[in-house]
Amino acid sequence: MNEGIPELNNGHIRIANELWEALVSARLSGREWAMIGVIIRKTYGWNKSADRIALSQFKELTKIPRHKCCVILKELLRRNIIRKSVPKKGNGLVPTYSLNKYYNSWKVFPKRVMLPKKGTEVFPKRVTKVFPKRVTTKDTVKNSLNTNTVEVEKWFEKLWKTYPMKDGKIEAKKHFMASVHTIEDYQLIKKAQKNYLSCPRIAKGFIKNGSTWFHNWKDWIDYKPPEQFSGKDATDDAEAKRLFE
């Protein structure tokens, strides 16, 4: 180890080519790459999807000051490239980090446009053209603001019809409108609901109120229901227990 002669037999990282290509095209800064590199090393490097990682580990591996690590991680969370969960108690309150593999939900910066150097390009003569004055009315503003909102509300109603516990619709809708903005978000919440309804504990009657589930629906995106329990009761599904707590 650490002899400058790396070998695959001493450990390596497996990552899907599609996900790696998405990272390459995400226009990340050098320090953002460093943070993501730590998360990949601590998760995929140990064949795990998530792991508890303290700020001291980010600092040690990247040589970036602790307070700046916080700023960079917050930006990656804001762009939905990584995910973070903090335990309510125990484990020294060390957060769990993971790479969000659903790259279509990432917020990627637009591609930069390179302008020609000053004095090297000949531009056509500028012509001043008079355009008619644009009039903005209350109706045009209202319609432009409500077009997407109406569509998202329709998505909510579709999901609400398939959710078994109808309590707390008003709060559930608020959570939905605050977290679902694109068709990618809608596909993710549909997947999360499908995973949730396939959980064996649902058949036992352990169903969350609508307001509660729509507030934490992202917790169910990566849940994988057990195919069989080898004679054990369905409540032995440890992952489901954790999500129901």
C-alpha atoms as a PDB file:
ATOM      1  CA  MET A   1       0.000   0.000   0.000  1.00  0.00           C
ATOM      2  CA  ASN A   2       1.092   3.590  -0.735  1.00  0.00           C
ATOM      3  CA  GLU A   3       4.221   2.437  -2.573  1.00  0.00           C
ATOM      4  CA  GLY A   4       3.331   4.282  -5.765  1.00  0.00           C
ATOM      5  CA  ILE A   5       2.694   1.020  -7.620  1.00  0.00           C
ATOM      6  CA  PRO A   6      -1.107   0.567  -7.563  1.00  0.00           C
ATOM      7  CA  GLU A   7      -2.560  -2.823  -8.392  1.00  0.00           C
ATOM      8  CA  LEU A   8      -6.194  -3.827  -8.926  1.00  0.00           C
ATOM      9  CA  ASN A   9      -5.676  -6.710  -6.538  1.00  0.00           C
ATOM     10  CA  ASN A  10      -5.126  -4.193  -3.744  1.00  0.00           C
ATOM     11  CA  GLY A  11      -8.610  -2.759  -4.268  1.00  0.00           C
ATOM     12  CA  HIS A  12     -10.426  -0.873  -7.005  1.00  0.00           C
ATOM     13  CA  ILE A  13     -13.619   1.083  -7.606  1.00  0.00           C
ATOM     14  CA  ARG A  14     -16.493  -0.170  -9.774  1.00  0.00           C
ATOM     15  CA  ILE A  15     -18.770   2.507 -11.225  1.00  0.00           C
ATOM     16  CA  ALA A  16     -21.193   2.411 -14.138  1.00  0.00           C
ATOM     17  CA  ASN A  17     -19.793   3.986 -17.316  1.00  0.00           C
ATOM     18  CA  GLU A  18     -23.037   5.910 -17.817  1.00  0.00           C
ATOM     19  CA  LEU A  19     -22.774   7.480 -14.371  1.00  0.00           C
ATOM     20  CA  TRP A  20     -19.090   8.303 -14.835  1.00  0.00           C
ATOM     21  CA  GLU A  21     -19.797  10.012 -18.169  1.00  0.00           C
ATOM     22  CA  ALA A  22     -22.543  12.048 -16.488  1.00  0.00           C
ATOM     23  CA  LEU A  23     -20.025  13.219 -13.877  1.00  0.00           C
ATOM     24  CA  VAL A  24     -17.497  14.134 -16.566  1.00  0.00           C
ATOM     25  CA  SER A  25     -20.056  16.299 -18.365  1.00  0.00           C
ATOM     26  CA  ALA A  26     -21.447  17.922 -15.192  1.00  0.00           C
ATOM     27  CA  ARG A  27     -18.879  20.794 -15.326  1.00  0.00           C
ATOM     28  CA  LEU A  28     -17.655  20.301 -11.769  1.00  0.00           C
ATOM     29  CA  SER A  29     -14.925  22.391 -10.229  1.00  0.00           C
ATOM     30  CA  GLY A  30     -11.700  20.795  -9.021  1.00  0.00           C
ATOM     31  CA  ARG A  31     -12.780  20.923  -5.379  1.00  0.00           C
ATOM     32  CA  GLU A  32     -16.228  19.540  -6.195  1.00  0.00           C
ATOM     33  CA  TRP A  33     -14.499  16.618  -7.939  1.00  0.00           C
ATOM     34  CA  ALA A  34     -12.438  16.102  -4.790  1.00  0.00           C
ATOM     35  CA  MET A  35     -15.550  15.882  -2.575  1.00  0.00           C
ATOM     36  CA  ILE A  36     -17.266  13.487  -4.969  1.00  0.00           C
ATOM     37  CA  GLY A  37     -14.077  11.442  -5.198  1.00  0.00           C
ATOM     38  CA  VAL A  38     -14.111  10.933  -1.424  1.00  0.00           C
ATOM     39  CA  ILE A  39     -17.764   9.844  -1.503  1.00  0.00           C
ATOM     40  CA  ILE A  40     -17.127   7.405  -4.367  1.00  0.00           C
ATOM     41  CA  ARG A  41     -14.046   6.003  -2.583  1.00  0.00           C
ATOM     42  CA  LYS A  42     -15.951   5.476   0.682  1.00  0.00           C
ATOM     43  CA  THR A  43     -19.027   3.968  -0.984  1.00  0.00           C
ATOM     44  CA  TYR A  44     -18.376   2.288  -4.333  1.00  0.00           C
ATOM     45  CA  GLY A  45     -14.815   1.587  -3.181  1.00  0.00           C
ATOM     46  CA  TRP A  46     -16.311  -0.719  -0.542  1.00  0.00           C
ATOM     47  CA  ASN A  47     -19.196  -1.976  -2.707  1.00  0.00           C
ATOM     48  CA  LYS A  48     -21.676   0.210  -0.806  1.00  0.00           C
ATOM     49  CA  SER A  49     -24.192   2.782  -2.059  1.00  0.00           C
ATOM     50  CA  ALA A  50     -23.836   5.053   0.998  1.00  0.00           C
ATOM     51  CA  ASP A  51     -21.570   5.491   4.009  1.00  0.00           C
ATOM     52  CA  ARG A  52     -21.091   7.674   7.092  1.00  0.00           C
ATOM     53  CA  ILE A  53     -18.334  10.185   6.321  1.00  0.00           C
ATOM     54  CA  ALA A  54     -17.133  12.784   8.810  1.00  0.00           C
ATOM     55  CA  LEU A  55     -15.832  16.210   7.761  1.00  0.00           C
ATOM     56  CA  SER A  56     -12.454  15.213   9.159  1.00  0.00           C
ATOM     57  CA  GLN A  57     -12.257  12.463   6.511  1.00  0.00           C
ATOM     58  CA  PHE A  58     -13.056  14.910   3.704  1.00  0.00           C
ATOM     59  CA  LYS A  59     -10.357  17.240   5.064  1.00  0.00           C
ATOM     60  CA  GLU A  60      -7.780  14.472   5.414  1.00  0.00           C
ATOM     61  CA  LEU A  61      -8.265  13.019   1.940  1.00  0.00           C
ATOM     62  CA  THR A  62      -8.645  16.283  -0.026  1.00  0.00           C
ATOM     63  CA  LYS A  63      -6.347  18.601   2.018  1.00  0.00           C
ATOM     64  CA  ILE A  64      -9.150  21.181   1.816  1.00  0.00           C
ATOM     65  CA  PRO A  65      -9.903  23.160   5.026  1.00  0.00           C
ATOM     66  CA  ARG A  66     -12.844  21.830   7.022  1.00  0.00           C
ATOM     67  CA  HIS A  67     -15.021  24.952   6.695  1.00  0.00           C
ATOM     68  CA  LYS A  68     -14.544  25.002   2.916  1.00  0.00           C
ATOM     69  CA  CYS A  69     -15.490  21.313   2.731  1.00  0.00           C
ATOM     70  CA  CYS A  70     -18.836  22.307   4.275  1.00  0.00           C
ATOM     71  CA  VAL A  71     -19.410  24.989   1.623  1.00  0.00           C
ATOM     72  CA  ILE A  72     -18.570  22.656  -1.278  1.00  0.00           C
ATOM     73  CA  LEU A  73     -20.768  19.827   0.064  1.00  0.00           C
ATOM     74  CA  LYS A  74     -23.699  22.229   0.487  1.00  0.00           C
ATOM     75  CA  GLU A  75     -23.352  23.307  -3.144  1.00  0.00           C
ATOM     76  CA  LEU A  76     -23.297  19.690  -4.360  1.00  0.00           C
ATOM     77  CA  LEU A  77     -26.410  19.005  -2.262  1.00  0.00           C
ATOM     78  CA  ARG A  78     -28.116  22.082  -3.729  1.00  0.00           C
ATOM     79  CA  ARG A  79     -27.361  20.791  -7.218  1.00  0.00           C
ATOM     80  CA  ASN A  80     -28.762  17.353  -6.209  1.00  0.00           C
ATOM     81  CA  ILE A  81     -25.545  15.582  -7.238  1.00  0.00           C
ATOM     82  CA  ILE A  82     -25.042  14.023  -3.812  1.00  0.00           C
ATOM     83  CA  ARG A  83     -27.368  13.065  -0.972  1.00  0.00           C
ATOM     84  CA  LYS A  84     -26.982  13.434   2.773  1.00  0.00           C
ATOM     85  CA  SER A  85     -28.871  12.124   5.779  1.00  0.00           C
ATOM     86  CA  VAL A  86     -28.145  12.860   9.430  1.00  0.00           C
ATOM     87  CA  PRO A  87     -29.071  10.321  12.134  1.00  0.00           C
ATOM     88  CA  LYS A  88     -31.432  11.563  14.828  1.00  0.00           C
ATOM     89  CA  LYS A  89     -29.309   9.948  17.511  1.00  0.00           C
ATOM     90  CA  GLY A  90     -26.297   7.695  17.946  1.00  0.00           C
ATOM     91  CA  ASN A  91     -23.255   7.178  15.706  1.00  0.00           C
ATOM     92  CA  GLY A  92     -21.816  10.493  16.848  1.00  0.00           C
ATOM     93  CA  LEU A  93     -24.264  12.267  14.497  1.00  0.00           C
ATOM     94  CA  VAL A  94     -21.949  11.513  11.548  1.00  0.00           C
ATOM     95  CA  PRO A  95     -23.879  12.173   8.298  1.00  0.00           C
ATOM     96  CA  THR A  96     -24.387   9.510   5.661  1.00  0.00           C
ATOM     97  CA  TYR A  97     -23.406  10.558   2.125  1.00  0.00           C
ATOM     98  CA  SER A  98     -24.083   8.958  -1.241  1.00  0.00           C
ATOM     99  CA  LEU A  99     -23.794   9.838  -4.909  1.00  0.00           C
ATOM    100  CA  ASN A 100     -27.176  10.521  -6.535  1.00  0.00           C
ATOM    101  CA  LYS A 101     -27.048   8.145  -9.490  1.00  0.00           C
ATOM    102  CA  TYR A 102     -30.184   9.670 -11.049  1.00  0.00           C
ATOM    103  CA  TYR A 103     -28.150  12.193 -13.016  1.00  0.00           C
ATOM    104  CA  ASN A 104     -31.156  13.557 -14.929  1.00  0.00           C
ATOM    105  CA  SER A 105     -32.206  15.240 -11.682  1.00  0.00           C
ATOM    106  CA  TRP A 106     -28.849  17.042 -11.292  1.00  0.00           C
ATOM    107  CA  LYS A 107     -28.696  20.798 -11.717  1.00  0.00           C
ATOM    108  CA  VAL A 108     -25.940  21.231 -14.296  1.00  0.00           C
ATOM    109  CA  PHE A 109     -24.486  24.611 -15.223  1.00  0.00           C
ATOM    110  CA  PRO A 110     -24.981  25.685 -18.855  1.00  0.00           C
ATOM    111  CA  LYS A 111     -22.065  25.319 -21.223  1.00  0.00           C
ATOM    112  CA  ARG A 112     -19.746  28.307 -21.369  1.00  0.00           C
ATOM    113  CA  VAL A 113     -19.534  30.256 -24.624  1.00  0.00           C
ATOM    114  CA  MET A 114     -16.022  31.286 -25.661  1.00  0.00           C
ATOM    115  CA  LEU A 115     -15.990  34.771 -27.148  1.00  0.00           C
ATOM    116  CA  PRO A 116     -13.314  35.811 -29.687  1.00  0.00           C
ATOM    117  CA  LYS A 117     -10.411  37.876 -28.423  1.00  0.00           C
ATOM    118  CA  LYS A 118     -10.748  41.603 -28.757  1.00  0.00           C
ATOM    119  CA  GLY A 119      -9.574  42.909 -32.112  1.00  0.00           C
ATOM    120  CA  THR A 120      -9.403  39.522 -33.874  1.00  0.00           C
ATOM    121  CA  GLU A 121     -12.917  39.368 -35.319  1.00  0.00           C
ATOM    122  CA  VAL A 122     -14.645  41.587 -37.860  1.00  0.00           C
ATOM    123  CA  PHE A 123     -18.276  42.163 -36.943  1.00  0.00           C
ATOM    124  CA  PRO A 124     -20.993  43.306 -39.348  1.00  0.00           C
ATOM    125  CA  LYS A 125     -22.184  46.885 -39.154  1.00  0.00           C
ATOM    126  CA  ARG A 126     -24.644  47.383 -36.367  1.00  0.00           C
ATOM    127  CA  VAL A 127     -28.140  48.282 -37.502  1.00  0.00           C
ATOM    128  CA  THR A 128     -30.606  49.815 -35.107  1.00  0.00           C
ATOM    129  CA  LYS A 129     -34.042  48.321 -35.594  1.00  0.00           C
ATOM    130  CA  VAL A 130     -37.167  49.669 -33.986  1.00  0.00           C
ATOM    131  CA  PHE A 131     -39.423  47.004 -32.470  1.00  0.00           C
ATOM    132  CA  PRO A 132     -43.008  47.544 -31.370  1.00  0.00           C
ATOM    133  CA  LYS A 133     -43.395  48.169 -27.671  1.00  0.00           C
ATOM    134  CA  ARG A 134     -44.159  45.017 -25.748  1.00  0.00           C
ATOM    135  CA  VAL A 135     -47.131  45.263 -23.448  1.00  0.00           C
ATOM    136  CA  THR A 136     -47.269  43.000 -20.404  1.00  0.00           C
ATOM    137  CA  THR A 137     -50.728  42.507 -18.968  1.00  0.00           C
ATOM    138  CA  LYS A 138     -51.884  40.779 -15.785  1.00  0.00           C
ATOM    139  CA  ASP A 139     -53.382  37.964 -17.856  1.00  0.00           C
ATOM    140  CA  THR A 140     -50.128  37.198 -19.723  1.00  0.00           C
ATOM    141  CA  VAL A 141     -48.116  37.149 -16.505  1.00  0.00           C
ATOM    142  CA  LYS A 142     -50.676  34.952 -14.757  1.00  0.00           C
ATOM    143  CA  ASN A 143     -50.805  32.456 -17.623  1.00  0.00           C
ATOM    144  CA  SER A 144     -47.009  32.190 -17.870  1.00  0.00           C
ATOM    145  CA  LEU A 145     -46.699  31.522 -14.142  1.00  0.00           C
ATOM    146  CA  ASN A 146     -49.509  28.990 -13.893  1.00  0.00           C
ATOM    147  CA  THR A 147     -48.773  26.808 -16.936  1.00  0.00           C
ATOM    148  CA  ASN A 148     -46.216  24.596 -15.170  1.00  0.00           C
ATOM    149  CA  THR A 149     -48.041  24.729 -11.843  1.00  0.00           C
ATOM    150  CA  VAL A 150     -51.231  23.335 -13.380  1.00  0.00           C
ATOM    151  CA  GLU A 151     -49.296  20.439 -14.900  1.00  0.00           C
ATOM    152  CA  VAL A 152     -47.559  19.610 -11.608  1.00  0.00           C
ATOM    153  CA  GLU A 153     -50.909  19.700  -9.792  1.00  0.00           C
ATOM    154  CA  LYS A 154     -52.232  17.126 -12.271  1.00  0.00           C
ATOM    155  CA  TRP A 155     -49.231  14.892 -11.467  1.00  0.00           C
ATOM    156  CA  PHE A 156     -50.037  15.142  -7.769  1.00  0.00           C
ATOM    157  CA  GLU A 157     -53.682  14.173  -8.261  1.00  0.00           C
ATOM    158  CA  LYS A 158     -52.620  11.084 -10.241  1.00  0.00           C
ATOM    159  CA  LEU A 159     -50.309   9.926  -7.468  1.00  0.00           C
ATOM    160  CA  TRP A 160     -52.773  10.790  -4.715  1.00  0.00           C
ATOM    161  CA  LYS A 161     -55.398   8.493  -6.252  1.00  0.00           C
ATOM    162  CA  THR A 162     -53.010   5.538  -5.905  1.00  0.00           C
ATOM    163  CA  TYR A 163     -51.875   6.320  -2.349  1.00  0.00           C
ATOM    164  CA  PRO A 164     -53.752   4.140   0.202  1.00  0.00           C
ATOM    165  CA  MET A 165     -53.861   6.544   3.184  1.00  0.00           C
ATOM    166  CA  LYS A 166     -55.841   9.677   2.312  1.00  0.00           C
ATOM    167  CA  ASP A 167     -55.135  11.695   5.481  1.00  0.00           C
ATOM    168  CA  GLY A 168     -53.311  15.017   5.143  1.00  0.00           C
ATOM    169  CA  LYS A 169     -53.908  15.797   1.471  1.00  0.00           C
ATOM    170  CA  ILE A 170     -53.352  19.556   1.839  1.00  0.00           C
ATOM    171  CA  GLU A 171     -49.940  19.133   3.496  1.00  0.00           C
ATOM    172  CA  ALA A 172     -49.040  16.302   1.116  1.00  0.00           C
ATOM    173  CA  LYS A 173     -49.727  18.574  -1.853  1.00  0.00           C
ATOM    174  CA  LYS A 174     -47.544  21.317  -0.346  1.00  0.00           C
ATOM    175  CA  HIS A 175     -44.635  18.890   0.014  1.00  0.00           C
ATOM    176  CA  PHE A 176     -45.197  17.593  -3.521  1.00  0.00           C
ATOM    177  CA  MET A 177     -45.258  21.068  -5.080  1.00  0.00           C
ATOM    178  CA  ALA A 178     -42.092  22.024  -3.194  1.00  0.00           C
ATOM    179  CA  SER A 179     -40.061  18.992  -4.302  1.00  0.00           C
ATOM    180  CA  VAL A 180     -41.386  18.053  -7.773  1.00  0.00           C
ATOM    181  CA  HIS A 181     -40.575  20.540 -10.535  1.00  0.00           C
ATOM    182  CA  THR A 182     -39.569  18.516 -13.598  1.00  0.00           C
ATOM    183  CA  ILE A 183     -40.650  15.367 -15.404  1.00  0.00           C
ATOM    184  CA  GLU A 184     -37.518  13.691 -13.982  1.00  0.00           C
ATOM    185  CA  ASP A 185     -38.685  14.534 -10.439  1.00  0.00           C
ATOM    186  CA  TYR A 186     -42.113  13.114 -11.281  1.00  0.00           C
ATOM    187  CA  GLN A 187     -40.606   9.859 -12.533  1.00  0.00           C
ATOM    188  CA  LEU A 188     -38.545   9.572  -9.329  1.00  0.00           C
ATOM    189  CA  ILE A 189     -41.516  10.069  -7.005  1.00  0.00           C
ATOM    190  CA  LYS A 190     -43.524   7.530  -9.012  1.00  0.00           C
ATOM    191  CA  LYS A 191     -40.672   5.056  -8.540  1.00  0.00           C
ATOM    192  CA  ALA A 192     -40.493   5.894  -4.823  1.00  0.00           C
ATOM    193  CA  GLN A 193     -44.238   5.301  -4.389  1.00  0.00           C
ATOM    194  CA  LYS A 194     -44.038   2.002  -6.271  1.00  0.00           C
ATOM    195  CA  ASN A 195     -41.190   0.860  -3.989  1.00  0.00           C
ATOM    196  CA  TYR A 196     -43.099   1.962  -0.900  1.00  0.00           C
ATOM    197  CA  LEU A 197     -46.320   0.155  -1.855  1.00  0.00           C
ATOM    198  CA  SER A 198     -44.335  -3.030  -2.583  1.00  0.00           C
ATOM    199  CA  CYS A 199     -42.905  -3.041   0.960  1.00  0.00           C
ATOM    200  CA  PRO A 200     -44.144  -6.071   2.972  1.00  0.00           C
ATOM    201  CA  ARG A 201     -45.004  -3.825   5.934  1.00  0.00           C
ATOM    202  CA  ILE A 202     -47.747  -2.175   3.855  1.00  0.00           C
ATOM    203  CA  ALA A 203     -49.561  -5.500   3.722  1.00  0.00           C
ATOM    204  CA  LYS A 204     -49.326  -5.572   7.523  1.00  0.00           C
ATOM    205  CA  GLY A 205     -51.185  -2.252   7.705  1.00  0.00           C
ATOM    206  CA  PHE A 206     -48.203  -0.022   8.521  1.00  0.00           C
ATOM    207  CA  ILE A 207     -49.139   2.852   6.210  1.00  0.00           C
ATOM    208  CA  LYS A 208     -47.949   6.415   6.697  1.00  0.00           C
ATOM    209  CA  ASN A 209     -50.315   9.374   6.437  1.00  0.00           C
ATOM    210  CA  GLY A 210     -50.167  11.032   3.046  1.00  0.00           C
ATOM    211  CA  SER A 211     -48.660  14.208   4.489  1.00  0.00           C
ATOM    212  CA  THR A 212     -45.836  12.228   6.126  1.00  0.00           C
ATOM    213  CA  TRP A 213     -44.946  10.097   3.117  1.00  0.00           C
ATOM    214  CA  PHE A 214     -44.959  12.964   0.598  1.00  0.00           C
ATOM    215  CA  HIS A 215     -42.627  14.871   2.925  1.00  0.00           C
ATOM    216  CA  ASN A 216     -40.040  12.045   2.946  1.00  0.00           C
ATOM    217  CA  TRP A 217     -40.717  10.357  -0.398  1.00  0.00           C
ATOM    218  CA  LYS A 218     -37.058  10.601  -1.519  1.00  0.00           C
ATOM    219  CA  ASP A 219     -36.096   8.066   1.164  1.00  0.00           C
ATOM    220  CA  TRP A 220     -37.861   5.382  -0.913  1.00  0.00           C
ATOM    221  CA  ILE A 221     -36.179   5.963  -4.284  1.00  0.00           C
ATOM    222  CA  ASP A 222     -33.462   3.366  -3.721  1.00  0.00           C
ATOM    223  CA  TYR A 223     -35.459   0.950  -1.555  1.00  0.00           C
ATOM    224  CA  LYS A 224     -35.420  -2.600  -2.897  1.00  0.00           C
ATOM    225  CA  PRO A 225     -38.197  -4.872  -1.619  1.00  0.00           C
ATOM    226  CA  PRO A 226     -36.998  -8.375  -0.597  1.00  0.00           C
ATOM    227  CA  GLU A 227     -38.002 -11.084  -3.061  1.00  0.00           C
ATOM    228  CA  GLN A 228     -38.310 -13.691  -0.351  1.00  0.00           C
ATOM    229  CA  PHE A 229     -37.725 -14.081   3.378  1.00  0.00           C
ATOM    230  CA  SER A 230     -36.737 -17.762   3.663  1.00  0.00           C
ATOM    231  CA  GLY A 231     -39.433 -18.494   6.255  1.00  0.00           C
ATOM    232  CA  LYS A 232     -38.926 -15.284   8.237  1.00  0.00           C
ATOM    233  CA  ASP A 233     -41.749 -12.846   8.841  1.00  0.00           C
ATOM    234  CA  ALA A 234     -41.998  -9.896   6.433  1.00  0.00           C
ATOM    235  CA  THR A 235     -41.293  -7.496   9.282  1.00  0.00           C
ATOM    236  CA  ASP A 236     -37.680  -8.760   9.230  1.00  0.00           C
ATOM    237  CA  ASP A 237     -37.075  -6.349   6.342  1.00  0.00           C
ATOM    238  CA  ALA A 238     -34.519  -4.188   8.197  1.00  0.00           C
ATOM    239  CA  GLU A 239     -34.390  -1.509   5.525  1.00  0.00           C
ATOM    240  CA  ALA A 240     -38.157  -1.058   5.615  1.00  0.00           C
ATOM    241  CA  LYS A 241     -38.062  -0.831   9.420  1.00  0.00           C
ATOM    242  CA  ARG A 242     -35.505   1.957   9.222  1.00  0.00           C
ATOM    243  CA  LEU A 243     -37.572   3.935   6.715  1.00  0.00           C
ATOM    244  CA  PHE A 244     -40.747   3.518   8.748  1.00  0.00           C
ATOM    245  CA  GLU A 245     -39.114   4.919  11.893  1.00  0.00           C
END
